[in-house]
Amino acid sequence: MRIFARWIINSAALLAITQIIPGFVVESFYFALIVALVVGLLNAIVRPLLIVLTLPITVLTLGLSVLAINALILWVASTFLEGFTVDGFVPALAAAIILWATSVLTNAMLKKQKPHVNR
């Protein structure tokens, strides 16, 4: 159930980002669901490889290069998804920062709602 909640929240965040950042376009909620799914899959598969490959840069930048990796994943996803357009790296970076903040808030909300199991 938490995965479904994260998926819906990330899709809504993508639609909100289209209102905030010029150059970041998601045509509808349906496309936002698809984009959130594809970006989630890319984050699960490609992102760990990129983080390992850029580990020295990540250490030197104190982790800020991970935001650039997230922006790159958004930008790459926009190249092969219909209904999703990112006009450059700067809108992708701004969207990555907003999605990161959304993820932090979502994790905090879902962690508080975790039921306690008494054993």
PDB file of N, CA and C in Angstrom:
ATOM      1  N   MET A   1       0.822  -1.191   0.000  1.00  0.00           N
ATOM      2  CA  MET A   1       0.000   0.000   0.000  1.00  0.00           C
ATOM      3  C   MET A   1       0.867   1.258   0.000  1.00  0.00           C
ATOM      4  N   ARG A   2       2.022   1.203   0.674  1.00  0.00           N
ATOM      5  CA  ARG A   2       2.899   2.373   0.722  1.00  0.00           C
ATOM      6  C   ARG A   2       3.479   2.696  -0.647  1.00  0.00           C
ATOM      7  N   ILE A   3       3.761   1.674  -1.433  1.00  0.00           N
ATOM      8  CA  ILE A   3       4.290   1.908  -2.777  1.00  0.00           C
ATOM      9  C   ILE A   3       3.260   2.640  -3.619  1.00  0.00           C
ATOM     10  N   PHE A   4       2.010   2.239  -3.511  1.00  0.00           N
ATOM     11  CA  PHE A   4       0.935   2.891  -4.251  1.00  0.00           C
ATOM     12  C   PHE A   4       0.795   4.346  -3.809  1.00  0.00           C
ATOM     13  N   ALA A   5       0.879   4.594  -2.506  1.00  0.00           N
ATOM     14  CA  ALA A   5       0.783   5.966  -1.986  1.00  0.00           C
ATOM     15  C   ALA A   5       1.937   6.816  -2.508  1.00  0.00           C
ATOM     16  N   ARG A   6       3.143   6.264  -2.501  1.00  0.00           N
ATOM     17  CA  ARG A   6       4.303   7.006  -3.027  1.00  0.00           C
ATOM     18  C   ARG A   6       4.134   7.312  -4.511  1.00  0.00           C
ATOM     19  N   TRP A   7       3.603   6.358  -5.244  1.00  0.00           N
ATOM     20  CA  TRP A   7       3.400   6.520  -6.679  1.00  0.00           C
ATOM     21  C   TRP A   7       2.421   7.667  -6.961  1.00  0.00           C
ATOM     22  N   ILE A   8       1.308   7.692  -6.231  1.00  0.00           N
ATOM     23  CA  ILE A   8       0.303   8.736  -6.413  1.00  0.00           C
ATOM     24  C   ILE A   8       0.867  10.094  -5.994  1.00  0.00           C
ATOM     25  N   ILE A   9       1.571  10.152  -4.863  1.00  0.00           N
ATOM     26  CA  ILE A   9       2.135  11.414  -4.382  1.00  0.00           C
ATOM     27  C   ILE A   9       3.184  11.944  -5.360  1.00  0.00           C
ATOM     28  N   ASN A  10       4.046  11.078  -5.869  1.00  0.00           N
ATOM     29  CA  ASN A  10       5.049  11.510  -6.841  1.00  0.00           C
ATOM     30  C   ASN A  10       4.405  11.979  -8.140  1.00  0.00           C
ATOM     31  N   SER A  11       3.329  11.335  -8.549  1.00  0.00           N
ATOM     32  CA  SER A  11       2.616  11.768  -9.749  1.00  0.00           C
ATOM     33  C   SER A  11       2.000  13.143  -9.548  1.00  0.00           C
ATOM     34  N   ALA A  12       1.399  13.357  -8.391  1.00  0.00           N
ATOM     35  CA  ALA A  12       0.833  14.674  -8.085  1.00  0.00           C
ATOM     36  C   ALA A  12       1.928  15.738  -8.007  1.00  0.00           C
ATOM     37  N   ALA A  13       3.086  15.369  -7.462  1.00  0.00           N
ATOM     38  CA  ALA A  13       4.212  16.307  -7.392  1.00  0.00           C
ATOM     39  C   ALA A  13       4.693  16.671  -8.794  1.00  0.00           C
ATOM     40  N   LEU A  14       4.724  15.704  -9.701  1.00  0.00           N
ATOM     41  CA  LEU A  14       5.120  15.992 -11.072  1.00  0.00           C
ATOM     42  C   LEU A  14       4.171  16.993 -11.724  1.00  0.00           C
ATOM     43  N   LEU A  15       2.872  16.835 -11.464  1.00  0.00           N
ATOM     44  CA  LEU A  15       1.909  17.789 -12.013  1.00  0.00           C
ATOM     45  C   LEU A  15       2.077  19.165 -11.378  1.00  0.00           C
ATOM     46  N   ALA A  16       2.381  19.215 -10.089  1.00  0.00           N
ATOM     47  CA  ALA A  16       2.605  20.497  -9.422  1.00  0.00           C
ATOM     48  C   ALA A  16       3.858  21.180  -9.966  1.00  0.00           C
ATOM     49  N   ILE A  17       4.875  20.404 -10.263  1.00  0.00           N
ATOM     50  CA  ILE A  17       6.122  20.957 -10.791  1.00  0.00           C
ATOM     51  C   ILE A  17       5.882  21.627 -12.135  1.00  0.00           C
ATOM     52  N   THR A  18       4.948  21.094 -12.926  1.00  0.00           N
ATOM     53  CA  THR A  18       4.662  21.717 -14.226  1.00  0.00           C
ATOM     54  C   THR A  18       4.116  23.124 -14.061  1.00  0.00           C
ATOM     55  N   GLN A  19       3.470  23.399 -12.924  1.00  0.00           N
ATOM     56  CA  GLN A  19       2.940  24.736 -12.670  1.00  0.00           C
ATOM     57  C   GLN A  19       4.010  25.691 -12.148  1.00  0.00           C
ATOM     58  N   ILE A  20       5.072  25.143 -11.589  1.00  0.00           N
ATOM     59  CA  ILE A  20       6.106  25.956 -10.947  1.00  0.00           C
ATOM     60  C   ILE A  20       7.282  26.235 -11.881  1.00  0.00           C
ATOM     61  N   ILE A  21       7.728  25.235 -12.616  1.00  0.00           N
ATOM     62  CA  ILE A  21       8.960  25.331 -13.396  1.00  0.00           C
ATOM     63  C   ILE A  21       8.642  25.417 -14.887  1.00  0.00           C
ATOM     64  N   PRO A  22       9.033  26.529 -15.519  1.00  0.00           N
ATOM     65  CA  PRO A  22       8.866  26.595 -16.978  1.00  0.00           C
ATOM     66  C   PRO A  22       9.847  25.639 -17.658  1.00  0.00           C
ATOM     67  N   GLY A  23       9.372  24.983 -18.693  1.00  0.00           N
ATOM     68  CA  GLY A  23      10.222  24.030 -19.396  1.00  0.00           C
ATOM     69  C   GLY A  23      10.068  22.605 -18.906  1.00  0.00           C
ATOM     70  N   PHE A  24       9.197  22.390 -17.929  1.00  0.00           N
ATOM     71  CA  PHE A  24       8.918  21.049 -17.412  1.00  0.00           C
ATOM     72  C   PHE A  24       7.434  20.799 -17.643  1.00  0.00           C
ATOM     73  N   VAL A  25       7.118  19.872 -18.552  1.00  0.00           N
ATOM     74  CA  VAL A  25       5.734  19.673 -18.968  1.00  0.00           C
ATOM     75  C   VAL A  25       5.341  18.203 -18.834  1.00  0.00           C
ATOM     76  N   VAL A  26       4.252  17.970 -18.113  1.00  0.00           N
ATOM     77  CA  VAL A  26       3.592  16.663 -18.073  1.00  0.00           C
ATOM     78  C   VAL A  26       2.148  16.938 -18.490  1.00  0.00           C
ATOM     79  N   GLU A  27       1.694  16.283 -19.543  1.00  0.00           N
ATOM     80  CA  GLU A  27       0.424  16.645 -20.159  1.00  0.00           C
ATOM     81  C   GLU A  27      -0.808  16.343 -19.315  1.00  0.00           C
ATOM     82  N   SER A  28      -0.802  15.251 -18.563  1.00  0.00           N
ATOM     83  CA  SER A  28      -1.993  14.902 -17.783  1.00  0.00           C
ATOM     84  C   SER A  28      -1.585  14.014 -16.606  1.00  0.00           C
ATOM     85  N   PHE A  29      -2.566  13.724 -15.738  1.00  0.00           N
ATOM     86  CA  PHE A  29      -2.288  12.861 -14.603  1.00  0.00           C
ATOM     87  C   PHE A  29      -1.932  11.454 -15.061  1.00  0.00           C
ATOM     88  N   TYR A  30      -2.544  11.011 -16.147  1.00  0.00           N
ATOM     89  CA  TYR A  30      -2.218   9.693 -16.710  1.00  0.00           C
ATOM     90  C   TYR A  30      -0.733   9.626 -17.083  1.00  0.00           C
ATOM     91  N   PHE A  31      -0.245  10.666 -17.775  1.00  0.00           N
ATOM     92  CA  PHE A  31       1.174  10.696 -18.138  1.00  0.00           C
ATOM     93  C   PHE A  31       2.050  10.846 -16.896  1.00  0.00           C
ATOM     94  N   ALA A  32       1.558  11.575 -15.891  1.00  0.00           N
ATOM     95  CA  ALA A  32       2.320  11.719 -14.646  1.00  0.00           C
ATOM     96  C   ALA A  32       2.485  10.366 -13.959  1.00  0.00           C
ATOM     97  N   LEU A  33       1.458   9.522 -13.997  1.00  0.00           N
ATOM     98  CA  LEU A  33       1.569   8.171 -13.430  1.00  0.00           C
ATOM     99  C   LEU A  33       2.630   7.361 -14.165  1.00  0.00           C
ATOM    100  N   ILE A  34       2.634   7.461 -15.501  1.00  0.00           N
ATOM    101  CA  ILE A  34       3.620   6.727 -16.293  1.00  0.00           C
ATOM    102  C   ILE A  34       5.023   7.247 -16.027  1.00  0.00           C
ATOM    103  N   VAL A  35       5.167   8.572 -15.986  1.00  0.00           N
ATOM    104  CA  VAL A  35       6.484   9.174 -15.732  1.00  0.00           C
ATOM    105  C   VAL A  35       7.000   8.764 -14.359  1.00  0.00           C
ATOM    106  N   ALA A  36       6.134   8.808 -13.344  1.00  0.00           N
ATOM    107  CA  ALA A  36       6.559   8.421 -11.993  1.00  0.00           C
ATOM    108  C   ALA A  36       6.994   6.961 -11.964  1.00  0.00           C
ATOM    109  N   LEU A  37       6.300   6.108 -12.679  1.00  0.00           N
ATOM    110  CA  LEU A  37       6.661   4.692 -12.733  1.00  0.00           C
ATOM    111  C   LEU A  37       8.014   4.496 -13.425  1.00  0.00           C
ATOM    112  N   VAL A  38       8.202   5.130 -14.571  1.00  0.00           N
ATOM    113  CA  VAL A  38       9.451   4.968 -15.325  1.00  0.00           C
ATOM    114  C   VAL A  38      10.624   5.567 -14.557  1.00  0.00           C
ATOM    115  N   VAL A  39      10.438   6.751 -13.976  1.00  0.00           N
ATOM    116  CA  VAL A  39      11.514   7.367 -13.209  1.00  0.00           C
ATOM    117  C   VAL A  39      11.844   6.516 -11.984  1.00  0.00           C
ATOM    118  N   GLY A  40      10.836   5.944 -11.364  1.00  0.00           N
ATOM    119  CA  GLY A  40      11.080   5.042 -10.234  1.00  0.00           C
ATOM    120  C   GLY A  40      11.879   3.818 -10.642  1.00  0.00           C
ATOM    121  N   LEU A  41      11.556   3.250 -11.791  1.00  0.00           N
ATOM    122  CA  LEU A  41      12.313   2.093 -12.290  1.00  0.00           C
ATOM    123  C   LEU A  41      13.744   2.481 -12.643  1.00  0.00           C
ATOM    124  N   LEU A  42      13.914   3.631 -13.286  1.00  0.00           N
ATOM    125  CA  LEU A  42      15.265   4.093 -13.602  1.00  0.00           C
ATOM    126  C   LEU A  42      16.064   4.363 -12.323  1.00  0.00           C
ATOM    127  N   ASN A  43      15.402   4.927 -11.309  1.00  0.00           N
ATOM    128  CA  ASN A  43      16.078   5.160 -10.032  1.00  0.00           C
ATOM    129  C   ASN A  43      16.478   3.843  -9.366  1.00  0.00           C
ATOM    130  N   ALA A  44      15.691   2.810  -9.565  1.00  0.00           N
ATOM    131  CA  ALA A  44      16.003   1.523  -8.947  1.00  0.00           C
ATOM    132  C   ALA A  44      17.096   0.769  -9.694  1.00  0.00           C
ATOM    133  N   ILE A  45      17.182   0.964 -11.000  1.00  0.00           N
ATOM    134  CA  ILE A  45      18.115   0.175 -11.804  1.00  0.00           C
ATOM    135  C   ILE A  45      19.376   0.953 -12.177  1.00  0.00           C
ATOM    136  N   VAL A  46      19.222   2.140 -12.758  1.00  0.00           N
ATOM    137  CA  VAL A  46      20.350   2.892 -13.308  1.00  0.00           C
ATOM    138  C   VAL A  46      21.043   3.748 -12.251  1.00  0.00           C
ATOM    139  N   ARG A  47      20.292   4.354 -11.359  1.00  0.00           N
ATOM    140  CA  ARG A  47      20.856   5.289 -10.384  1.00  0.00           C
ATOM    141  C   ARG A  47      21.954   4.671  -9.516  1.00  0.00           C
ATOM    142  N   PRO A  48      21.785   3.445  -8.980  1.00  0.00           N
ATOM    143  CA  PRO A  48      22.874   2.875  -8.188  1.00  0.00           C
ATOM    144  C   PRO A  48      24.179   2.711  -8.988  1.00  0.00           C
ATOM    145  N   LEU A  49      24.054   2.340 -10.242  1.00  0.00           N
ATOM    146  CA  LEU A  49      25.255   2.213 -11.081  1.00  0.00           C
ATOM    147  C   LEU A  49      25.935   3.565 -11.287  1.00  0.00           C
ATOM    148  N   LEU A  50      25.133   4.591 -11.542  1.00  0.00           N
ATOM    149  CA  LEU A  50      25.700   5.921 -11.735  1.00  0.00           C
ATOM    150  C   LEU A  50      26.344   6.445 -10.453  1.00  0.00           C
ATOM    151  N   ILE A  51      25.745   6.158  -9.322  1.00  0.00           N
ATOM    152  CA  ILE A  51      26.311   6.615  -8.050  1.00  0.00           C
ATOM    153  C   ILE A  51      27.648   5.931  -7.779  1.00  0.00           C
ATOM    154  N   VAL A  52      27.743   4.645  -8.083  1.00  0.00           N
ATOM    155  CA  VAL A  52      29.015   3.938  -7.893  1.00  0.00           C
ATOM    156  C   VAL A  52      30.078   4.479  -8.848  1.00  0.00           C
ATOM    157  N   LEU A  53      29.696   4.725 -10.101  1.00  0.00           N
ATOM    158  CA  LEU A  53      30.652   5.234 -11.075  1.00  0.00           C
ATOM    159  C   LEU A  53      31.133   6.649 -10.745  1.00  0.00           C
ATOM    160  N   THR A  54      30.287   7.443 -10.121  1.00  0.00           N
ATOM    161  CA  THR A  54      30.646   8.825  -9.792  1.00  0.00           C
ATOM    162  C   THR A  54      30.967   9.004  -8.318  1.00  0.00           C
ATOM    163  N   LEU A  55      31.331   7.933  -7.640  1.00  0.00           N
ATOM    164  CA  LEU A  55      31.591   7.996  -6.203  1.00  0.00           C
ATOM    165  C   LEU A  55      32.654   9.024  -5.814  1.00  0.00           C
ATOM    166  N   PRO A  56      33.780   9.116  -6.518  1.00  0.00           N
ATOM    167  CA  PRO A  56      34.762  10.147  -6.126  1.00  0.00           C
ATOM    168  C   PRO A  56      34.200  11.570  -6.223  1.00  0.00           C
ATOM    169  N   ILE A  57      33.442  11.838  -7.271  1.00  0.00           N
ATOM    170  CA  ILE A  57      32.832  13.169  -7.418  1.00  0.00           C
ATOM    171  C   ILE A  57      31.787  13.395  -6.332  1.00  0.00           C
ATOM    172  N   THR A  58      31.041  12.368  -6.002  1.00  0.00           N
ATOM    173  CA  THR A  58      30.028  12.475  -4.955  1.00  0.00           C
ATOM    174  C   THR A  58      30.669  12.798  -3.614  1.00  0.00           C
ATOM    175  N   VAL A  59      31.792  12.173  -3.326  1.00  0.00           N
ATOM    176  CA  VAL A  59      32.501  12.454  -2.073  1.00  0.00           C
ATOM    177  C   VAL A  59      33.022  13.890  -2.073  1.00  0.00           C
ATOM    178  N   LEU A  60      33.609  14.314  -3.182  1.00  0.00           N
ATOM    179  CA  LEU A  60      34.161  15.669  -3.271  1.00  0.00           C
ATOM    180  C   LEU A  60      33.085  16.749  -3.157  1.00  0.00           C
ATOM    181  N   THR A  61      31.897  16.486  -3.702  1.00  0.00           N
ATOM    182  CA  THR A  61      30.822  17.475  -3.669  1.00  0.00           C
ATOM    183  C   THR A  61      29.899  17.287  -2.471  1.00  0.00           C
ATOM    184  N   LEU A  62      30.288  16.402  -1.570  1.00  0.00           N
ATOM    185  CA  LEU A  62      29.487  16.115  -0.364  1.00  0.00           C
ATOM    186  C   LEU A  62      28.063  15.679  -0.696  1.00  0.00           C
ATOM    187  N   GLY A  63      27.924  14.937  -1.774  1.00  0.00           N
ATOM    188  CA  GLY A  63      26.643  14.353  -2.137  1.00  0.00           C
ATOM    189  C   GLY A  63      25.786  15.185  -3.070  1.00  0.00           C
ATOM    190  N   LEU A  64      26.209  16.404  -3.387  1.00  0.00           N
ATOM    191  CA  LEU A  64      25.398  17.250  -4.267  1.00  0.00           C
ATOM    192  C   LEU A  64      25.333  16.722  -5.695  1.00  0.00           C
ATOM    193  N   SER A  65      26.302  15.935  -6.097  1.00  0.00           N
ATOM    194  CA  SER A  65      26.268  15.389  -7.454  1.00  0.00           C
ATOM    195  C   SER A  65      25.132  14.378  -7.623  1.00  0.00           C
ATOM    196  N   VAL A  66      24.603  13.870  -6.534  1.00  0.00           N
ATOM    197  CA  VAL A  66      23.458  12.945  -6.625  1.00  0.00           C
ATOM    198  C   VAL A  66      22.241  13.681  -7.177  1.00  0.00           C
ATOM    199  N   LEU A  67      22.102  14.965  -6.852  1.00  0.00           N
ATOM    200  CA  LEU A  67      21.019  15.759  -7.443  1.00  0.00           C
ATOM    201  C   LEU A  67      21.185  15.863  -8.955  1.00  0.00           C
ATOM    202  N   ALA A  68      22.406  15.991  -9.396  1.00  0.00           N
ATOM    203  CA  ALA A  68      22.655  16.036 -10.837  1.00  0.00           C
ATOM    204  C   ALA A  68      22.314  14.695 -11.490  1.00  0.00           C
ATOM    205  N   ILE A  69      22.582  13.610 -10.798  1.00  0.00           N
ATOM    206  CA  ILE A  69      22.218  12.287 -11.319  1.00  0.00           C
ATOM    207  C   ILE A  69      20.702  12.161 -11.411  1.00  0.00           C
ATOM    208  N   ASN A  70      19.989  12.628 -10.395  1.00  0.00           N
ATOM    209  CA  ASN A  70      18.524  12.590 -10.429  1.00  0.00           C
ATOM    210  C   ASN A  70      17.976  13.442 -11.574  1.00  0.00           C
ATOM    211  N   ALA A  71      18.581  14.617 -11.785  1.00  0.00           N
ATOM    212  CA  ALA A  71      18.166  15.476 -12.892  1.00  0.00           C
ATOM    213  C   ALA A  71      18.430  14.795 -14.227  1.00  0.00           C
ATOM    214  N   LEU A  72      19.566  14.132 -14.339  1.00  0.00           N
ATOM    215  CA  LEU A  72      19.903  13.413 -15.560  1.00  0.00           C
ATOM    216  C   LEU A  72      18.895  12.302 -15.842  1.00  0.00           C
ATOM    217  N   ILE A  73      18.470  11.609 -14.805  1.00  0.00           N
ATOM    218  CA  ILE A  73      17.478  10.544 -14.981  1.00  0.00           C
ATOM    219  C   ILE A  73      16.156  11.127 -15.468  1.00  0.00           C
ATOM    220  N   LEU A  74      15.732  12.264 -14.901  1.00  0.00           N
ATOM    221  CA  LEU A  74      14.506  12.920 -15.376  1.00  0.00           C
ATOM    222  C   LEU A  74      14.642  13.344 -16.831  1.00  0.00           C
ATOM    223  N   TRP A  75      15.777  13.910 -17.164  1.00  0.00           N
ATOM    224  CA  TRP A  75      16.019  14.389 -18.512  1.00  0.00           C
ATOM    225  C   TRP A  75      16.025  13.233 -19.511  1.00  0.00           C
ATOM    226  N   VAL A  76      16.656  12.133 -19.153  1.00  0.00           N
ATOM    227  CA  VAL A  76      16.690  10.956 -20.029  1.00  0.00           C
ATOM    228  C   VAL A  76      15.289  10.374 -20.190  1.00  0.00           C
ATOM    229  N   ALA A  77      14.530  10.322 -19.110  1.00  0.00           N
ATOM    230  CA  ALA A  77      13.168   9.785 -19.188  1.00  0.00           C
ATOM    231  C   ALA A  77      12.308  10.615 -20.135  1.00  0.00           C
ATOM    232  N   SER A  78      12.558  11.919 -20.178  1.00  0.00           N
ATOM    233  CA  SER A  78      11.748  12.774 -21.056  1.00  0.00           C
ATOM    234  C   SER A  78      12.052  12.531 -22.530  1.00  0.00           C
ATOM    235  N   THR A  79      13.197  11.945 -22.826  1.00  0.00           N
ATOM    236  CA  THR A  79      13.543  11.717 -24.227  1.00  0.00           C
ATOM    237  C   THR A  79      12.759  10.566 -24.864  1.00  0.00           C
ATOM    238  N   PHE A  80      12.307   9.610 -24.044  1.00  0.00           N
ATOM    239  CA  PHE A  80      11.594   8.486 -24.642  1.00  0.00           C
ATOM    240  C   PHE A  80      10.169   8.309 -24.136  1.00  0.00           C
ATOM    241  N   LEU A  81       9.647   9.284 -23.408  1.00  0.00           N
ATOM    242  CA  LEU A  81       8.258   9.218 -22.957  1.00  0.00           C
ATOM    243  C   LEU A  81       7.425  10.292 -23.652  1.00  0.00           C
ATOM    244  N   GLU A  82       6.341   9.873 -24.258  1.00  0.00           N
ATOM    245  CA  GLU A  82       5.411  10.823 -24.855  1.00  0.00           C
ATOM    246  C   GLU A  82       4.645  11.526 -23.738  1.00  0.00           C
ATOM    247  N   GLY A  83       4.338  12.785 -23.932  1.00  0.00           N
ATOM    248  CA  GLY A  83       3.563  13.521 -22.940  1.00  0.00           C
ATOM    249  C   GLY A  83       4.393  14.074 -21.796  1.00  0.00           C
ATOM    250  N   PHE A  84       5.716  13.939 -21.875  1.00  0.00           N
ATOM    251  CA  PHE A  84       6.615  14.416 -20.831  1.00  0.00           C
ATOM    252  C   PHE A  84       7.789  15.105 -21.511  1.00  0.00           C
ATOM    253  N   THR A  85       7.965  16.396 -21.205  1.00  0.00           N
ATOM    254  CA  THR A  85       9.018  17.179 -21.845  1.00  0.00           C
ATOM    255  C   THR A  85       9.798  17.948 -20.795  1.00  0.00           C
ATOM    256  N   VAL A  86      11.112  17.886 -20.888  1.00  0.00           N
ATOM    257  CA  VAL A  86      12.002  18.684 -20.050  1.00  0.00           C
ATOM    258  C   VAL A  86      12.919  19.445 -21.000  1.00  0.00           C
ATOM    259  N   ASP A  87      12.851  20.781 -20.954  1.00  0.00           N
ATOM    260  CA  ASP A  87      13.609  21.623 -21.877  1.00  0.00           C
ATOM    261  C   ASP A  87      14.963  22.012 -21.313  1.00  0.00           C
ATOM    262  N   GLY A  88      15.808  21.029 -21.047  1.00  0.00           N
ATOM    263  CA  GLY A  88      17.155  21.321 -20.603  1.00  0.00           C
ATOM    264  C   GLY A  88      17.466  20.777 -19.228  1.00  0.00           C
ATOM    265  N   PHE A  89      18.722  20.977 -18.837  1.00  0.00           N
ATOM    266  CA  PHE A  89      19.192  20.419 -17.576  1.00  0.00           C
ATOM    267  C   PHE A  89      18.720  21.234 -16.367  1.00  0.00           C
ATOM    268  N   VAL A  90      18.615  22.543 -16.508  1.00  0.00           N
ATOM    269  CA  VAL A  90      18.224  23.387 -15.372  1.00  0.00           C
ATOM    270  C   VAL A  90      16.798  23.081 -14.903  1.00  0.00           C
ATOM    271  N   PRO A  91      15.799  22.994 -15.799  1.00  0.00           N
ATOM    272  CA  PRO A  91      14.471  22.587 -15.321  1.00  0.00           C
ATOM    273  C   PRO A  91      14.481  21.183 -14.703  1.00  0.00           C
ATOM    274  N   ALA A  92      15.303  20.280 -15.251  1.00  0.00           N
ATOM    275  CA  ALA A  92      15.398  18.932 -14.686  1.00  0.00           C
ATOM    276  C   ALA A  92      16.006  18.981 -13.288  1.00  0.00           C
ATOM    277  N   LEU A  93      17.003  19.831 -13.079  1.00  0.00           N
ATOM    278  CA  LEU A  93      17.627  19.957 -11.762  1.00  0.00           C
ATOM    279  C   LEU A  93      16.653  20.555 -10.745  1.00  0.00           C
ATOM    280  N   ALA A  94      15.918  21.578 -11.149  1.00  0.00           N
ATOM    281  CA  ALA A  94      14.929  22.180 -10.250  1.00  0.00           C
ATOM    282  C   ALA A  94      13.841  21.165  -9.897  1.00  0.00           C
ATOM    283  N   ALA A  95      13.394  20.405 -10.879  1.00  0.00           N
ATOM    284  CA  ALA A  95      12.381  19.373 -10.627  1.00  0.00           C
ATOM    285  C   ALA A  95      12.934  18.282  -9.719  1.00  0.00           C
ATOM    286  N   ALA A  96      14.190  17.913  -9.903  1.00  0.00           N
ATOM    287  CA  ALA A  96      14.816  16.887  -9.056  1.00  0.00           C
ATOM    288  C   ALA A  96      14.869  17.348  -7.607  1.00  0.00           C
ATOM    289  N   ILE A  97      15.138  18.625  -7.382  1.00  0.00           N
ATOM    290  CA  ILE A  97      15.178  19.155  -6.014  1.00  0.00           C
ATOM    291  C   ILE A  97      13.794  19.108  -5.386  1.00  0.00           C
ATOM    292  N   ILE A  98      12.774  19.484  -6.148  1.00  0.00           N
ATOM    293  CA  ILE A  98      11.400  19.451  -5.622  1.00  0.00           C
ATOM    294  C   ILE A  98      10.961  18.013  -5.370  1.00  0.00           C
ATOM    295  N   LEU A  99      11.293  17.104  -6.281  1.00  0.00           N
ATOM    296  CA  LEU A  99      10.940  15.694  -6.072  1.00  0.00           C
ATOM    297  C   LEU A  99      11.668  15.110  -4.861  1.00  0.00           C
ATOM    298  N   TRP A 100      12.907  15.534  -4.633  1.00  0.00           N
ATOM    299  CA  TRP A 100      13.635  15.093  -3.446  1.00  0.00           C
ATOM    300  C   TRP A 100      12.916  15.560  -2.178  1.00  0.00           C
ATOM    301  N   ALA A 101      12.518  16.830  -2.148  1.00  0.00           N
ATOM    302  CA  ALA A 101      11.808  17.360  -0.982  1.00  0.00           C
ATOM    303  C   ALA A 101      10.479  16.638  -0.772  1.00  0.00           C
ATOM    304  N   THR A 102       9.784  16.352  -1.861  1.00  0.00           N
ATOM    305  CA  THR A 102       8.533  15.594  -1.775  1.00  0.00           C
ATOM    306  C   THR A 102       8.787  14.206  -1.210  1.00  0.00           C
ATOM    307  N   SER A 103       9.857  13.570  -1.636  1.00  0.00           N
ATOM    308  CA  SER A 103      10.197  12.244  -1.147  1.00  0.00           C
ATOM    309  C   SER A 103      10.515  12.260   0.346  1.00  0.00           C
ATOM    310  N   VAL A 104      11.246  13.273   0.788  1.00  0.00           N
ATOM    311  CA  VAL A 104      11.566  13.390   2.216  1.00  0.00           C
ATOM    312  C   VAL A 104      10.293  13.529   3.030  1.00  0.00           C
ATOM    313  N   LEU A 105       9.378  14.392   2.589  1.00  0.00           N
ATOM    314  CA  LEU A 105       8.115  14.580   3.307  1.00  0.00           C
ATOM    315  C   LEU A 105       7.254  13.316   3.276  1.00  0.00           C
ATOM    316  N   THR A 106       7.219  12.649   2.124  1.00  0.00           N
ATOM    317  CA  THR A 106       6.442  11.408   2.012  1.00  0.00           C
ATOM    318  C   THR A 106       6.993  10.336   2.943  1.00  0.00           C
ATOM    319  N   ASN A 107       8.311  10.197   2.976  1.00  0.00           N
ATOM    320  CA  ASN A 107       8.922   9.207   3.870  1.00  0.00           C
ATOM    321  C   ASN A 107       8.607   9.518   5.327  1.00  0.00           C
ATOM    322  N   ALA A 108       8.633  10.789   5.690  1.00  0.00           N
ATOM    323  CA  ALA A 108       8.324  11.172   7.074  1.00  0.00           C
ATOM    324  C   ALA A 108       6.869  10.868   7.415  1.00  0.00           C
ATOM    325  N   MET A 109       5.955  11.151   6.483  1.00  0.00           N
ATOM    326  CA  MET A 109       4.534  10.886   6.731  1.00  0.00           C
ATOM    327  C   MET A 109       4.259   9.389   6.839  1.00  0.00           C
ATOM    328  N   LEU A 110       4.819   8.623   5.931  1.00  0.00           N
ATOM    329  CA  LEU A 110       4.556   7.185   5.936  1.00  0.00           C
ATOM    330  C   LEU A 110       5.243   6.494   7.102  1.00  0.00           C
ATOM    331  N   LYS A 111       6.341   7.032   7.571  1.00  0.00           N
ATOM    332  CA  LYS A 111       7.022   6.449   8.725  1.00  0.00           C
ATOM    333  C   LYS A 111       6.208   6.656   9.990  1.00  0.00           C
ATOM    334  N   LYS A 112       5.567   7.814  10.125  1.00  0.00           N
ATOM    335  CA  LYS A 112       4.737   8.084  11.297  1.00  0.00           C
ATOM    336  C   LYS A 112       3.498   7.200  11.327  1.00  0.00           C
ATOM    337  N   GLN A 113       2.985   6.830  10.168  1.00  0.00           N
ATOM    338  CA  GLN A 113       1.778   6.020  10.103  1.00  0.00           C
ATOM    339  C   GLN A 113       2.033   4.538  10.243  1.00  0.00           C
ATOM    340  N   LYS A 114       3.277   4.141  10.405  1.00  0.00           N
ATOM    341  CA  LYS A 114       3.636   2.737  10.527  1.00  0.00           C
ATOM    342  C   LYS A 114       3.041   2.169  11.820  1.00  0.00           C
ATOM    343  N   PRO A 115       2.241   1.108  11.741  1.00  0.00           N
ATOM    344  CA  PRO A 115       1.673   0.547  12.970  1.00  0.00           C
ATOM    345  C   PRO A 115       2.739  -0.182  13.794  1.00  0.00           C
ATOM    346  N   HIS A 116       2.600  -0.083  15.086  1.00  0.00           N
ATOM    347  CA  HIS A 116       3.524  -0.762  15.992  1.00  0.00           C
ATOM    348  C   HIS A 116       3.031  -2.179  16.246  1.00  0.00           C
ATOM    349  N   VAL A 117       3.925  -3.109  16.174  1.00  0.00           N
ATOM    350  CA  VAL A 117       3.592  -4.505  16.405  1.00  0.00           C
ATOM    351  C   VAL A 117       4.106  -4.888  17.779  1.00  0.00           C
ATOM    352  N   ASN A 118       3.218  -5.330  18.621  1.00  0.00           N
ATOM    353  CA  ASN A 118       3.610  -5.771  19.963  1.00  0.00           C
ATOM    354  C   ASN A 118       3.837  -7.282  19.938  1.00  0.00           C
ATOM    355  N   ARG A 119       4.993  -7.662  20.392  1.00  0.00           N
ATOM    356  CA  ARG A 119       5.305  -9.098  20.408  1.00  0.00           C
ATOM    357  C   ARG A 119       5.632  -9.516  21.793  1.00  0.00           C
TER     358      ARG A 119
END
